[in-house]
Amino acid sequence: MGFQNILIKNIKIHIPNKLMIKFSINGLNTVGEVLSLSNIEFSNFKGVGVGLVKLFDNLKIFLNSNIMPTLLKNYSNEIFCSC
């Protein structure tokens, strides 16, 4: 299983609420979708400014370096979607 199968709603404790709202409004449901989105693409979402882009960039760094290996190794299938 990879990033594309992990639902962001199941790891929302690690995601700022402002970003969760933008992801929801724009139909992003999985970590894979979030990680595949560039900062420029994210900045084109309505209501996204410099501050949110910085949060988004920091989240992507965090997901790649900290949480993803832990999630893939230690959590049960309940965090994964059947996408």
C-alpha atoms as a PDB file:
ATOM      1  CA  MET A   1       0.000   0.000   0.000  1.00  0.00           C
ATOM      2  CA  GLY A   2       1.158   3.482  -0.745  1.00  0.00           C
ATOM      3  CA  PHE A   3       0.392   7.080  -0.022  1.00  0.00           C
ATOM      4  CA  GLN A   4      -2.505   7.108  -2.468  1.00  0.00           C
ATOM      5  CA  ASN A   5      -4.427   4.715  -0.215  1.00  0.00           C
ATOM      6  CA  ILE A   6      -4.211   6.676   3.033  1.00  0.00           C
ATOM      7  CA  LEU A   7      -7.208   8.874   3.714  1.00  0.00           C
ATOM      8  CA  ILE A   8      -6.269  12.314   5.006  1.00  0.00           C
ATOM      9  CA  LYS A   9      -9.315  12.363   7.284  1.00  0.00           C
ATOM     10  CA  ASN A  10      -7.754   9.478   9.205  1.00  0.00           C
ATOM     11  CA  ILE A  11      -4.588  11.432   9.945  1.00  0.00           C
ATOM     12  CA  LYS A  12      -6.226  14.827  10.404  1.00  0.00           C
ATOM     13  CA  ILE A  13      -4.659  15.177  13.841  1.00  0.00           C
ATOM     14  CA  HIS A  14      -1.436  15.940  11.952  1.00  0.00           C
ATOM     15  CA  ILE A  15      -3.036  18.390   9.493  1.00  0.00           C
ATOM     16  CA  PRO A  16      -3.939  22.010  10.308  1.00  0.00           C
ATOM     17  CA  ASN A  17      -7.683  22.626  10.130  1.00  0.00           C
ATOM     18  CA  LYS A  18      -7.246  25.379   7.519  1.00  0.00           C
ATOM     19  CA  LEU A  19      -5.626  22.865   5.186  1.00  0.00           C
ATOM     20  CA  MET A  20      -8.244  20.188   5.889  1.00  0.00           C
ATOM     21  CA  ILE A  21     -10.950  22.635   4.845  1.00  0.00           C
ATOM     22  CA  LYS A  22      -9.152  23.487   1.582  1.00  0.00           C
ATOM     23  CA  PHE A  23      -8.547  19.812   0.847  1.00  0.00           C
ATOM     24  CA  SER A  24     -12.211  18.996   1.446  1.00  0.00           C
ATOM     25  CA  ILE A  25     -13.511  21.890  -0.672  1.00  0.00           C
ATOM     26  CA  ASN A  26     -11.208  20.894  -3.538  1.00  0.00           C
ATOM     27  CA  GLY A  27     -11.883  17.155  -3.430  1.00  0.00           C
ATOM     28  CA  LEU A  28      -8.549  15.963  -2.068  1.00  0.00           C
ATOM     29  CA  ASN A  29      -9.138  12.803  -0.061  1.00  0.00           C
ATOM     30  CA  THR A  30      -5.876  10.893   0.123  1.00  0.00           C
ATOM     31  CA  VAL A  31      -2.309  11.610   1.145  1.00  0.00           C
ATOM     32  CA  GLY A  32      -1.229  10.672  -2.369  1.00  0.00           C
ATOM     33  CA  GLU A  33      -3.430  13.389  -3.850  1.00  0.00           C
ATOM     34  CA  VAL A  34      -2.004  15.944  -1.426  1.00  0.00           C
ATOM     35  CA  LEU A  35       1.602  14.949  -2.084  1.00  0.00           C
ATOM     36  CA  SER A  36       1.145  14.985  -5.848  1.00  0.00           C
ATOM     37  CA  LEU A  37      -0.169  18.552  -5.780  1.00  0.00           C
ATOM     38  CA  SER A  38       2.454  21.231  -6.406  1.00  0.00           C
ATOM     39  CA  ASN A  39       2.615  24.421  -4.373  1.00  0.00           C
ATOM     40  CA  ILE A  40       1.616  26.375  -7.474  1.00  0.00           C
ATOM     41  CA  GLU A  41      -1.440  24.183  -8.063  1.00  0.00           C
ATOM     42  CA  PHE A  42      -2.417  24.520  -4.398  1.00  0.00           C
ATOM     43  CA  SER A  43      -1.947  28.297  -4.502  1.00  0.00           C
ATOM     44  CA  ASN A  44      -4.454  28.469  -7.365  1.00  0.00           C
ATOM     45  CA  PHE A  45      -7.241  27.225  -5.082  1.00  0.00           C
ATOM     46  CA  LYS A  46      -9.683  29.987  -4.146  1.00  0.00           C
ATOM     47  CA  GLY A  47      -8.736  31.759  -0.922  1.00  0.00           C
ATOM     48  CA  VAL A  48      -5.210  30.361  -0.662  1.00  0.00           C
ATOM     49  CA  GLY A  49      -2.523  32.868   0.199  1.00  0.00           C
ATOM     50  CA  VAL A  50       1.133  32.798   1.125  1.00  0.00           C
ATOM     51  CA  GLY A  51       0.446  31.585   4.668  1.00  0.00           C
ATOM     52  CA  LEU A  52      -1.541  28.552   3.542  1.00  0.00           C
ATOM     53  CA  VAL A  53       1.027  27.694   0.884  1.00  0.00           C
ATOM     54  CA  LYS A  54       3.700  27.680   3.590  1.00  0.00           C
ATOM     55  CA  LEU A  55       1.541  25.402   5.794  1.00  0.00           C
ATOM     56  CA  PHE A  56       0.960  23.153   2.787  1.00  0.00           C
ATOM     57  CA  ASP A  57       4.664  22.950   2.009  1.00  0.00           C
ATOM     58  CA  ASN A  58       5.494  22.161   5.645  1.00  0.00           C
ATOM     59  CA  LEU A  59       2.810  19.473   5.709  1.00  0.00           C
ATOM     60  CA  LYS A  60       4.256  17.794   2.629  1.00  0.00           C
ATOM     61  CA  ILE A  61       7.722  17.793   4.187  1.00  0.00           C
ATOM     62  CA  PHE A  62       6.299  16.376   7.421  1.00  0.00           C
ATOM     63  CA  LEU A  63       4.338  13.652   5.629  1.00  0.00           C
ATOM     64  CA  ASN A  64       7.320  12.564   3.579  1.00  0.00           C
ATOM     65  CA  SER A  65       9.791  12.535   6.436  1.00  0.00           C
ATOM     66  CA  ASN A  66       7.893  11.586   9.569  1.00  0.00           C
ATOM     67  CA  ILE A  67       4.441  10.198   9.458  1.00  0.00           C
ATOM     68  CA  MET A  68       4.328   8.142   6.297  1.00  0.00           C
ATOM     69  CA  PRO A  69       6.895   5.513   7.266  1.00  0.00           C
ATOM     70  CA  THR A  70       5.188   5.124  10.649  1.00  0.00           C
ATOM     71  CA  LEU A  71       1.731   4.828   9.144  1.00  0.00           C
ATOM     72  CA  LEU A  72       2.774   2.316   6.548  1.00  0.00           C
ATOM     73  CA  LYS A  73       4.642   0.204   9.092  1.00  0.00           C
ATOM     74  CA  ASN A  74       2.574   0.332  12.281  1.00  0.00           C
ATOM     75  CA  TYR A  75      -1.067   1.062  11.572  1.00  0.00           C
ATOM     76  CA  SER A  76      -3.798  -1.371  10.658  1.00  0.00           C
ATOM     77  CA  ASN A  77      -5.740  -1.263   7.411  1.00  0.00           C
ATOM     78  CA  GLU A  78      -8.344   1.035   8.976  1.00  0.00           C
ATOM     79  CA  ILE A  79      -6.465   4.144   7.827  1.00  0.00           C
ATOM     80  CA  PHE A  80      -6.438   3.002   4.222  1.00  0.00           C
ATOM     81  CA  CYS A  81      -9.156   3.500   1.650  1.00  0.00           C
ATOM     82  CA  SER A  82     -10.189   1.022  -0.997  1.00  0.00           C
ATOM     83  CA  CYS A  83      -9.636   3.580  -3.765  1.00  0.00           C
END
